[in-house]
C-alpha atoms as a PDB file:
ATOM      1  CA  MET A   1     -43.178-206.039 -21.034  1.00  0.00           C
ATOM      2  CA  PRO A   2     -39.667-204.517 -21.299  1.00  0.00           C
ATOM      3  CA  ARG A   3     -36.701-206.600 -20.229  1.00  0.00           C
ATOM      4  CA  GLN A   4     -35.247-205.710 -16.807  1.00  0.00           C
ATOM      5  CA  ILE A   5     -31.571-204.720 -16.617  1.00  0.00           C
ATOM      6  CA  THR A   6     -29.424-204.510 -13.489  1.00  0.00           C
ATOM      7  CA  TYR A   7     -27.002-201.828 -12.351  1.00  0.00           C
ATOM      8  CA  SER A   8     -24.802-202.876  -9.428  1.00  0.00           C
ATOM      9  CA  GLY A   9     -21.534-202.060  -7.746  1.00  0.00           C
ATOM     10  CA  THR A  10     -19.741-201.181  -4.540  1.00  0.00           C
ATOM     11  CA  VAL A  11     -18.916-197.673  -3.330  1.00  0.00           C
ATOM     12  CA  THR A  12     -15.638-197.299  -1.423  1.00  0.00           C
ATOM     13  CA  ASP A  13     -13.673-194.337  -0.114  1.00  0.00           C
ATOM     14  CA  GLN A  14     -10.033-193.486  -0.886  1.00  0.00           C
ATOM     15  CA  ALA A  15      -8.889-196.052   1.691  1.00  0.00           C
ATOM     16  CA  GLN A  16     -11.029-198.717  -0.057  1.00  0.00           C
ATOM     17  CA  GLN A  17     -13.424-198.833   2.902  1.00  0.00           C
ATOM     18  CA  PRO A  18     -17.141-199.292   2.111  1.00  0.00           C
ATOM     19  CA  VAL A  19     -19.324-196.191   2.063  1.00  0.00           C
ATOM     20  CA  THR A  20     -22.641-196.992   3.708  1.00  0.00           C
ATOM     21  CA  SER A  21     -25.882-195.044   3.238  1.00  0.00           C
ATOM     22  CA  MET A  22     -24.710-193.434  -0.003  1.00  0.00           C
ATOM     23  CA  VAL A  23     -27.873-192.303  -1.788  1.00  0.00           C
ATOM     24  CA  ILE A  24     -28.017-193.202  -5.488  1.00  0.00           C
ATOM     25  CA  CYS A  25     -30.684-191.539  -7.628  1.00  0.00           C
ATOM     26  CA  LEU A  26     -31.467-192.952 -11.070  1.00  0.00           C
ATOM     27  CA  TYR A  27     -32.764-190.654 -13.805  1.00  0.00           C
ATOM     28  CA  ARG A  28     -33.977-191.326 -17.323  1.00  0.00           C
ATOM     29  CA  LYS A  29     -34.570-188.281 -19.520  1.00  0.00           C
ATOM     30  CA  ARG A  30     -34.226-186.048 -16.417  1.00  0.00           C
ATOM     31  CA  GLU A  31     -37.033-187.898 -14.630  1.00  0.00           C
ATOM     32  CA  LEU A  32     -36.312-189.638 -11.325  1.00  0.00           C
ATOM     33  CA  ILE A  33     -37.056-193.352 -11.795  1.00  0.00           C
ATOM     34  CA  ASP A  34     -35.639-194.791  -8.562  1.00  0.00           C
ATOM     35  CA  ARG A  35     -33.688-193.937  -5.400  1.00  0.00           C
ATOM     36  CA  ILE A  36     -31.627-196.496  -3.474  1.00  0.00           C
ATOM     37  CA  SER A  37     -28.887-196.537  -0.816  1.00  0.00           C
ATOM     38  CA  THR A  38     -25.726-198.566  -0.382  1.00  0.00           C
ATOM     39  CA  ASP A  39     -25.813-201.263   2.285  1.00  0.00           C
ATOM     40  CA  GLU A  40     -23.367-201.863   5.158  1.00  0.00           C
ATOM     41  CA  SER A  41     -20.761-203.250   2.730  1.00  0.00           C
ATOM     42  CA  GLY A  42     -21.122-200.306   0.320  1.00  0.00           C
ATOM     43  CA  ALA A  43     -22.954-202.463  -2.232  1.00  0.00           C
ATOM     44  CA  TYR A  44     -25.956-201.492  -4.331  1.00  0.00           C
ATOM     45  CA  SER A  45     -28.066-203.234  -6.947  1.00  0.00           C
ATOM     46  CA  VAL A  46     -31.147-202.010  -8.773  1.00  0.00           C
ATOM     47  CA  GLU A  47     -33.238-203.247 -11.682  1.00  0.00           C
ATOM     48  CA  VAL A  48     -34.820-200.919 -14.236  1.00  0.00           C
ATOM     49  CA  SER A  49     -36.669-201.534 -17.454  1.00  0.00           C
ATOM     50  CA  GLU A  50     -34.592-201.578 -20.637  1.00  0.00           C
ATOM     51  CA  GLY A  51     -34.700-198.338 -22.605  1.00  0.00           C
ATOM     52  CA  GLU A  52     -32.939-195.005 -22.884  1.00  0.00           C
ATOM     53  CA  PRO A  53     -29.614-194.445 -21.053  1.00  0.00           C
ATOM     54  CA  VAL A  54     -29.807-193.928 -17.291  1.00  0.00           C
ATOM     55  CA  THR A  55     -27.949-191.340 -15.209  1.00  0.00           C
ATOM     56  CA  LEU A  56     -26.836-192.469 -11.744  1.00  0.00           C
ATOM     57  CA  CYS A  57     -26.151-189.689  -9.217  1.00  0.00           C
ATOM     58  CA  PHE A  58     -24.213-190.723  -6.116  1.00  0.00           C
ATOM     59  CA  ASN A  59     -24.800-188.408  -3.146  1.00  0.00           C
ATOM     60  CA  PRO A  60     -23.682-188.779   0.476  1.00  0.00           C
ATOM     61  CA  GLY A  61     -26.722-189.507   2.616  1.00  0.00           C
ATOM     62  CA  GLN A  62     -27.751-187.230   5.454  1.00  0.00           C
ATOM     63  CA  SER A  63     -27.063-190.041   7.913  1.00  0.00           C
ATOM     64  CA  MET A  64     -23.328-190.261   7.154  1.00  0.00           C
ATOM     65  CA  ILE A  65     -21.202-189.512  10.193  1.00  0.00           C
ATOM     66  CA  ASN A  66     -18.377-187.740   8.363  1.00  0.00           C
ATOM     67  CA  LYS A  67     -20.076-186.462   5.233  1.00  0.00           C
ATOM     68  CA  THR A  68     -17.405-183.815   4.637  1.00  0.00           C
ATOM     69  CA  LYS A  69     -14.784-186.346   3.564  1.00  0.00           C
ATOM     70  CA  TYR A  70     -16.839-187.405   0.514  1.00  0.00           C
ATOM     71  CA  ASN A  71     -17.420-185.468  -2.685  1.00  0.00           C
ATOM     72  CA  PRO A  72     -20.896-183.921  -2.752  1.00  0.00           C
ATOM     73  CA  SER A  73     -21.906-185.958  -5.808  1.00  0.00           C
ATOM     74  CA  VAL A  74     -20.651-188.140  -8.626  1.00  0.00           C
ATOM     75  CA  VAL A  75     -22.614-188.644 -11.830  1.00  0.00           C
ATOM     76  CA  ALA A  76     -22.344-191.659 -14.153  1.00  0.00           C
ATOM     77  CA  ASN A  77     -24.206-192.166 -17.414  1.00  0.00           C
ATOM     78  CA  VAL A  78     -24.797-195.831 -18.209  1.00  0.00           C
ATOM     79  CA  PRO A  79     -26.353-197.592 -21.205  1.00  0.00           C
ATOM     80  CA  GLY A  80     -30.060-198.293 -20.984  1.00  0.00           C
ATOM     81  CA  ASN A  81     -29.979-201.578 -22.858  1.00  0.00           C
ATOM     82  CA  LYS A  82     -27.561-203.822 -20.951  1.00  0.00           C
ATOM     83  CA  ASP A  83     -26.549-204.695 -17.403  1.00  0.00           C
ATOM     84  CA  ALA A  84     -23.760-202.560 -15.929  1.00  0.00           C
ATOM     85  CA  VAL A  85     -21.426-203.200 -12.995  1.00  0.00           C
END
């Protein structure tokens, strides 16, 4: 069984306030492997199996009150063989 690795962090706006309900999609080789949302403090944490690099796409959720003040998406490529914060 592959080792589990953890990706975690906190999403904040330009004023350093937490962004809640930010949808984060995780892809490996262009295939969606998980979808999570930030909590009330803007935090997220997800475990995936070790392997190829993972792409995290941060998208404002439909439930955000003032969605227009956030960029439509941010993409981060992270290693697939170690924890990342």
